[in-house]
Amino acid sequence: MSQRNACNSLRLVKLQQQDLVFYLSIYTDPELMQFIGKIQSVEKLQRSFQLTLDYMSRQPPEMLLFVLRSLKGEAVGVGILNFRHQTERKAEIGVIICQQHQRQGYSYQAKRLLIAAAFEDFKATAVTAICQIDNAFANRANQKLGFRIEKTETDSKDKQTKNYWILEKR
């Protein structure tokens, strides 16, 4: 990935083995997970963490997970760049910001960095994002970044209504 992995007050740092405790703290926090999905057991999350590191090591990577770090080095959240739609050259992004760091612009900055990586480093033709309809801050950030709603529908698994956003490369 290029050196464009930092802006204003945030850096993207690829997930590493030593990030397991932070990863678990994010994915076991009920308030954070209310917009993401069901909380899983620590054992299942540990397996997921190892799988994520495996996916990241493939060439080309199937996904990249980043620890979002303030310029002071403090972990403030996680960001994901997923290449589920490689044949269509689409990348999906997602961001989770720790409670104590929310509403400080980190989500917007992280999404901006992930979009740049998708388009410039991985040659995606479009970037997608999925947000629960009642996650006002995430939806507003997507809109400010130039995404448009492709569709809104209720997820058959978790029964949550979600906006499916898309940003096409210009």
C-alpha atoms as a PDB file:
ATOM      1  CA  MET A   1       0.000   0.000   0.000  1.00  0.00           C
ATOM      2  CA  SER A   2       1.242   3.455  -0.768  1.00  0.00           C
ATOM      3  CA  GLN A   3       2.325   6.073   1.716  1.00  0.00           C
ATOM      4  CA  ARG A   4      -1.086   7.788   1.499  1.00  0.00           C
ATOM      5  CA  ASN A   5      -2.123   6.017   4.698  1.00  0.00           C
ATOM      6  CA  ALA A   6      -2.253   9.126   6.897  1.00  0.00           C
ATOM      7  CA  CYS A   7      -4.206  12.372   6.975  1.00  0.00           C
ATOM      8  CA  ASN A   8      -4.744  15.228   9.421  1.00  0.00           C
ATOM      9  CA  SER A   9      -4.931  13.266  12.687  1.00  0.00           C
ATOM     10  CA  LEU A  10      -5.189   9.604  11.677  1.00  0.00           C
ATOM     11  CA  ARG A  11      -3.048   6.760  10.290  1.00  0.00           C
ATOM     12  CA  LEU A  12      -4.037   3.359   8.930  1.00  0.00           C
ATOM     13  CA  VAL A  13      -1.790   0.623  10.339  1.00  0.00           C
ATOM     14  CA  LYS A  14      -2.250  -2.925   9.044  1.00  0.00           C
ATOM     15  CA  LEU A  15      -3.556  -5.348  11.670  1.00  0.00           C
ATOM     16  CA  GLN A  16      -0.802  -7.388  13.315  1.00  0.00           C
ATOM     17  CA  GLN A  17      -0.701 -10.282  15.780  1.00  0.00           C
ATOM     18  CA  GLN A  18      -0.066  -7.910  18.717  1.00  0.00           C
ATOM     19  CA  ASP A  19      -3.422  -6.173  17.997  1.00  0.00           C
ATOM     20  CA  LEU A  20      -5.498  -9.146  19.218  1.00  0.00           C
ATOM     21  CA  VAL A  21      -6.495  -7.577  22.562  1.00  0.00           C
ATOM     22  CA  PHE A  22      -7.608  -4.349  20.859  1.00  0.00           C
ATOM     23  CA  TYR A  23      -9.491  -6.349  18.189  1.00  0.00           C
ATOM     24  CA  LEU A  24     -11.326  -8.281  20.914  1.00  0.00           C
ATOM     25  CA  SER A  25     -12.162  -5.061  22.775  1.00  0.00           C
ATOM     26  CA  ILE A  26     -13.839  -3.670  19.640  1.00  0.00           C
ATOM     27  CA  TYR A  27     -15.774  -6.774  18.631  1.00  0.00           C
ATOM     28  CA  THR A  28     -17.016  -7.589  22.159  1.00  0.00           C
ATOM     29  CA  ASP A  29     -18.304  -4.069  22.912  1.00  0.00           C
ATOM     30  CA  PRO A  30     -22.141  -4.192  22.800  1.00  0.00           C
ATOM     31  CA  GLU A  31     -22.494  -0.467  22.070  1.00  0.00           C
ATOM     32  CA  LEU A  32     -20.134  -0.633  19.107  1.00  0.00           C
ATOM     33  CA  MET A  33     -21.614  -3.853  17.783  1.00  0.00           C
ATOM     34  CA  GLN A  34     -25.197  -2.553  17.780  1.00  0.00           C
ATOM     35  CA  PHE A  35     -24.534  -1.180  14.268  1.00  0.00           C
ATOM     36  CA  ILE A  36     -22.290  -4.027  13.111  1.00  0.00           C
ATOM     37  CA  GLY A  37     -23.724  -7.390  14.086  1.00  0.00           C
ATOM     38  CA  LYS A  38     -24.122 -10.003  16.764  1.00  0.00           C
ATOM     39  CA  ILE A  39     -21.358 -10.324  19.375  1.00  0.00           C
ATOM     40  CA  GLN A  40     -19.509 -13.616  19.069  1.00  0.00           C
ATOM     41  CA  SER A  41     -17.630 -15.630  21.659  1.00  0.00           C
ATOM     42  CA  VAL A  42     -13.992 -14.737  22.370  1.00  0.00           C
ATOM     43  CA  GLU A  43     -12.937 -18.125  20.978  1.00  0.00           C
ATOM     44  CA  LYS A  44     -14.770 -17.487  17.713  1.00  0.00           C
ATOM     45  CA  LEU A  45     -13.323 -13.965  17.509  1.00  0.00           C
ATOM     46  CA  GLN A  46      -9.809 -15.323  18.055  1.00  0.00           C
ATOM     47  CA  ARG A  47     -10.321 -17.705  15.111  1.00  0.00           C
ATOM     48  CA  SER A  48     -11.718 -14.830  13.038  1.00  0.00           C
ATOM     49  CA  PHE A  49      -8.665 -12.718  13.906  1.00  0.00           C
ATOM     50  CA  GLN A  50      -6.312 -15.457  12.662  1.00  0.00           C
ATOM     51  CA  LEU A  51      -8.376 -15.908   9.477  1.00  0.00           C
ATOM     52  CA  THR A  52      -8.224 -12.165   8.880  1.00  0.00           C
ATOM     53  CA  LEU A  53      -4.424 -12.203   9.146  1.00  0.00           C
ATOM     54  CA  ASP A  54      -4.407 -15.117   6.683  1.00  0.00           C
ATOM     55  CA  TYR A  55      -6.654 -13.283   4.172  1.00  0.00           C
ATOM     56  CA  MET A  56      -4.418 -10.227   4.461  1.00  0.00           C
ATOM     57  CA  SER A  57      -1.283 -12.255   3.644  1.00  0.00           C
ATOM     58  CA  ARG A  58      -2.627 -13.606   0.337  1.00  0.00           C
ATOM     59  CA  GLN A  59      -1.518 -12.102  -2.961  1.00  0.00           C
ATOM     60  CA  PRO A  60      -3.540 -10.222  -3.889  1.00  0.00           C
ATOM     61  CA  PRO A  61      -5.083  -9.776  -0.445  1.00  0.00           C
ATOM     62  CA  GLU A  62      -8.776 -10.622  -0.107  1.00  0.00           C
ATOM     63  CA  MET A  63      -9.170  -8.008   2.585  1.00  0.00           C
ATOM     64  CA  LEU A  64      -7.168  -5.603   4.689  1.00  0.00           C
ATOM     65  CA  LEU A  65      -7.998  -4.696   8.273  1.00  0.00           C
ATOM     66  CA  PHE A  66      -6.364  -1.664   9.816  1.00  0.00           C
ATOM     67  CA  VAL A  67      -5.998  -0.354  13.316  1.00  0.00           C
ATOM     68  CA  LEU A  68      -6.835   3.336  13.133  1.00  0.00           C
ATOM     69  CA  ARG A  69      -4.233   5.239  15.121  1.00  0.00           C
ATOM     70  CA  SER A  70      -4.147   8.872  16.124  1.00  0.00           C
ATOM     71  CA  LEU A  71      -0.932  10.664  15.262  1.00  0.00           C
ATOM     72  CA  LYS A  72      -0.025  10.174  18.944  1.00  0.00           C
ATOM     73  CA  GLY A  73      -0.179   6.408  18.325  1.00  0.00           C
ATOM     74  CA  GLU A  74      -3.397   5.746  20.257  1.00  0.00           C
ATOM     75  CA  ALA A  75      -5.691   3.082  18.746  1.00  0.00           C
ATOM     76  CA  VAL A  76      -9.041   4.767  18.034  1.00  0.00           C
ATOM     77  CA  GLY A  77     -10.810   2.121  15.946  1.00  0.00           C
ATOM     78  CA  VAL A  78     -10.584  -0.293  13.037  1.00  0.00           C
ATOM     79  CA  GLY A  79     -11.115   0.053   9.303  1.00  0.00           C
ATOM     80  CA  ILE A  80     -11.655  -2.634   6.707  1.00  0.00           C
ATOM     81  CA  LEU A  81     -11.084  -2.765   2.985  1.00  0.00           C
ATOM     82  CA  ASN A  82     -12.747  -5.876   1.575  1.00  0.00           C
ATOM     83  CA  PHE A  83     -12.378  -7.164  -1.970  1.00  0.00           C
ATOM     84  CA  ARG A  84     -15.440  -9.442  -2.133  1.00  0.00           C
ATOM     85  CA  HIS A  85     -16.297  -8.271  -5.637  1.00  0.00           C
ATOM     86  CA  GLN A  86     -12.882  -8.633  -7.269  1.00  0.00           C
ATOM     87  CA  THR A  87     -14.351  -9.616 -10.631  1.00  0.00           C
ATOM     88  CA  GLU A  88     -16.379  -6.378 -10.639  1.00  0.00           C
ATOM     89  CA  ARG A  89     -13.380  -4.457  -9.223  1.00  0.00           C
ATOM     90  CA  LYS A  90     -15.442  -3.242  -6.267  1.00  0.00           C
ATOM     91  CA  ALA A  91     -14.107  -2.775  -2.764  1.00  0.00           C
ATOM     92  CA  GLU A  92     -16.234  -2.527   0.373  1.00  0.00           C
ATOM     93  CA  ILE A  93     -15.155  -0.328   3.271  1.00  0.00           C
ATOM     94  CA  GLY A  94     -16.205  -0.222   6.901  1.00  0.00           C
ATOM     95  CA  VAL A  95     -15.119   1.632  10.016  1.00  0.00           C
ATOM     96  CA  ILE A  96     -15.668   1.153  13.761  1.00  0.00           C
ATOM     97  CA  ILE A  97     -14.576   3.938  16.110  1.00  0.00           C
ATOM     98  CA  CYS A  98     -14.172   3.331  19.868  1.00  0.00           C
ATOM     99  CA  GLN A  99     -16.776   5.092  22.007  1.00  0.00           C
ATOM    100  CA  GLN A 100     -14.343   7.550  23.600  1.00  0.00           C
ATOM    101  CA  HIS A 101     -13.098   8.675  20.160  1.00  0.00           C
ATOM    102  CA  GLN A 102     -16.414   9.091  18.369  1.00  0.00           C
ATOM    103  CA  ARG A 103     -17.572  12.432  16.976  1.00  0.00           C
ATOM    104  CA  GLN A 104     -14.015  13.650  16.413  1.00  0.00           C
ATOM    105  CA  GLY A 105     -13.925  13.147  12.638  1.00  0.00           C
ATOM    106  CA  TYR A 106     -12.016   9.857  12.715  1.00  0.00           C
ATOM    107  CA  SER A 107     -14.667   7.887  10.801  1.00  0.00           C
ATOM    108  CA  TYR A 108     -14.720  10.402   7.959  1.00  0.00           C
ATOM    109  CA  GLN A 109     -10.912  10.522   7.798  1.00  0.00           C
ATOM    110  CA  ALA A 110     -10.606   6.732   7.888  1.00  0.00           C
ATOM    111  CA  LYS A 111     -13.158   6.309   5.104  1.00  0.00           C
ATOM    112  CA  ARG A 112     -11.328   8.913   3.031  1.00  0.00           C
ATOM    113  CA  LEU A 113      -8.069   6.972   3.416  1.00  0.00           C
ATOM    114  CA  LEU A 114      -9.741   3.632   2.648  1.00  0.00           C
ATOM    115  CA  ILE A 115     -11.380   5.067  -0.485  1.00  0.00           C
ATOM    116  CA  ALA A 116      -8.034   6.420  -1.709  1.00  0.00           C
ATOM    117  CA  ALA A 117      -6.402   3.026  -1.135  1.00  0.00           C
ATOM    118  CA  ALA A 118      -9.207   1.211  -2.966  1.00  0.00           C
ATOM    119  CA  PHE A 119      -9.066   3.459  -6.026  1.00  0.00           C
ATOM    120  CA  GLU A 120      -5.361   4.230  -6.217  1.00  0.00           C
ATOM    121  CA  ASP A 121      -3.600   1.167  -4.811  1.00  0.00           C
ATOM    122  CA  PHE A 122      -6.068  -1.562  -5.730  1.00  0.00           C
ATOM    123  CA  LYS A 123      -7.539  -0.048  -8.917  1.00  0.00           C
ATOM    124  CA  ALA A 124     -11.162  -0.488  -7.798  1.00  0.00           C
ATOM    125  CA  THR A 125     -13.767   1.044 -10.086  1.00  0.00           C
ATOM    126  CA  ALA A 126     -16.250   1.481  -7.232  1.00  0.00           C
ATOM    127  CA  VAL A 127     -16.298   1.493  -3.443  1.00  0.00           C
ATOM    128  CA  THR A 128     -19.303   0.346  -1.451  1.00  0.00           C
ATOM    129  CA  ALA A 129     -20.356   0.783   2.165  1.00  0.00           C
ATOM    130  CA  ILE A 130     -23.272  -0.636   4.139  1.00  0.00           C
ATOM    131  CA  CYS A 131     -24.810   1.219   7.100  1.00  0.00           C
ATOM    132  CA  GLN A 132     -27.838   0.590   9.235  1.00  0.00           C
ATOM    133  CA  ILE A 133     -30.405   3.201   8.357  1.00  0.00           C
ATOM    134  CA  ASP A 134     -30.460   4.535  11.942  1.00  0.00           C
ATOM    135  CA  ASN A 135     -26.666   5.045  12.089  1.00  0.00           C
ATOM    136  CA  ALA A 136     -26.980   8.751  11.288  1.00  0.00           C
ATOM    137  CA  PHE A 137     -23.281   9.613  11.700  1.00  0.00           C
ATOM    138  CA  ALA A 138     -22.050   6.857   9.365  1.00  0.00           C
ATOM    139  CA  ASN A 139     -24.694   7.654   6.765  1.00  0.00           C
ATOM    140  CA  ARG A 140     -23.858  11.375   6.911  1.00  0.00           C
ATOM    141  CA  ALA A 141     -20.134  10.641   6.489  1.00  0.00           C
ATOM    142  CA  ASN A 142     -20.870   8.511   3.405  1.00  0.00           C
ATOM    143  CA  GLN A 143     -22.970  11.289   1.916  1.00  0.00           C
ATOM    144  CA  LYS A 144     -20.257  13.919   2.572  1.00  0.00           C
ATOM    145  CA  LEU A 145     -17.707  11.649   0.871  1.00  0.00           C
ATOM    146  CA  GLY A 146     -19.785  11.561  -2.322  1.00  0.00           C
ATOM    147  CA  PHE A 147     -21.405   8.146  -1.990  1.00  0.00           C
ATOM    148  CA  ARG A 148     -24.959   7.692  -3.267  1.00  0.00           C
ATOM    149  CA  ILE A 149     -27.518   5.237  -1.954  1.00  0.00           C
ATOM    150  CA  GLU A 150     -27.771   2.326  -4.354  1.00  0.00           C
ATOM    151  CA  LYS A 151     -30.580   0.659  -2.387  1.00  0.00           C
ATOM    152  CA  THR A 152     -32.165   0.412   1.038  1.00  0.00           C
ATOM    153  CA  GLU A 153     -33.388  -2.960   2.229  1.00  0.00           C
ATOM    154  CA  THR A 154     -33.879  -5.138   5.261  1.00  0.00           C
ATOM    155  CA  ASP A 155     -31.127  -7.700   5.803  1.00  0.00           C
ATOM    156  CA  SER A 156     -32.608 -11.210   5.900  1.00  0.00           C
ATOM    157  CA  LYS A 157     -30.105 -12.380   8.553  1.00  0.00           C
ATOM    158  CA  ASP A 158     -30.240  -9.656  11.198  1.00  0.00           C
ATOM    159  CA  LYS A 159     -33.561  -8.035  10.180  1.00  0.00           C
ATOM    160  CA  GLN A 160     -31.937  -4.558  10.196  1.00  0.00           C
ATOM    161  CA  THR A 161     -32.786  -2.028   7.492  1.00  0.00           C
ATOM    162  CA  LYS A 162     -29.602  -0.873   5.786  1.00  0.00           C
ATOM    163  CA  ASN A 163     -28.465   1.665   3.234  1.00  0.00           C
ATOM    164  CA  TYR A 164     -26.215   0.247   0.534  1.00  0.00           C
ATOM    165  CA  TRP A 165     -23.939   3.056  -0.614  1.00  0.00           C
ATOM    166  CA  ILE A 166     -21.759   3.227  -3.724  1.00  0.00           C
ATOM    167  CA  LEU A 167     -19.037   5.614  -4.863  1.00  0.00           C
ATOM    168  CA  GLU A 168     -17.862   5.163  -8.424  1.00  0.00           C
ATOM    169  CA  LYS A 169     -14.468   6.313  -9.599  1.00  0.00           C
ATOM    170  CA  ARG A 170     -14.630   9.458 -11.690  1.00  0.00           C
END
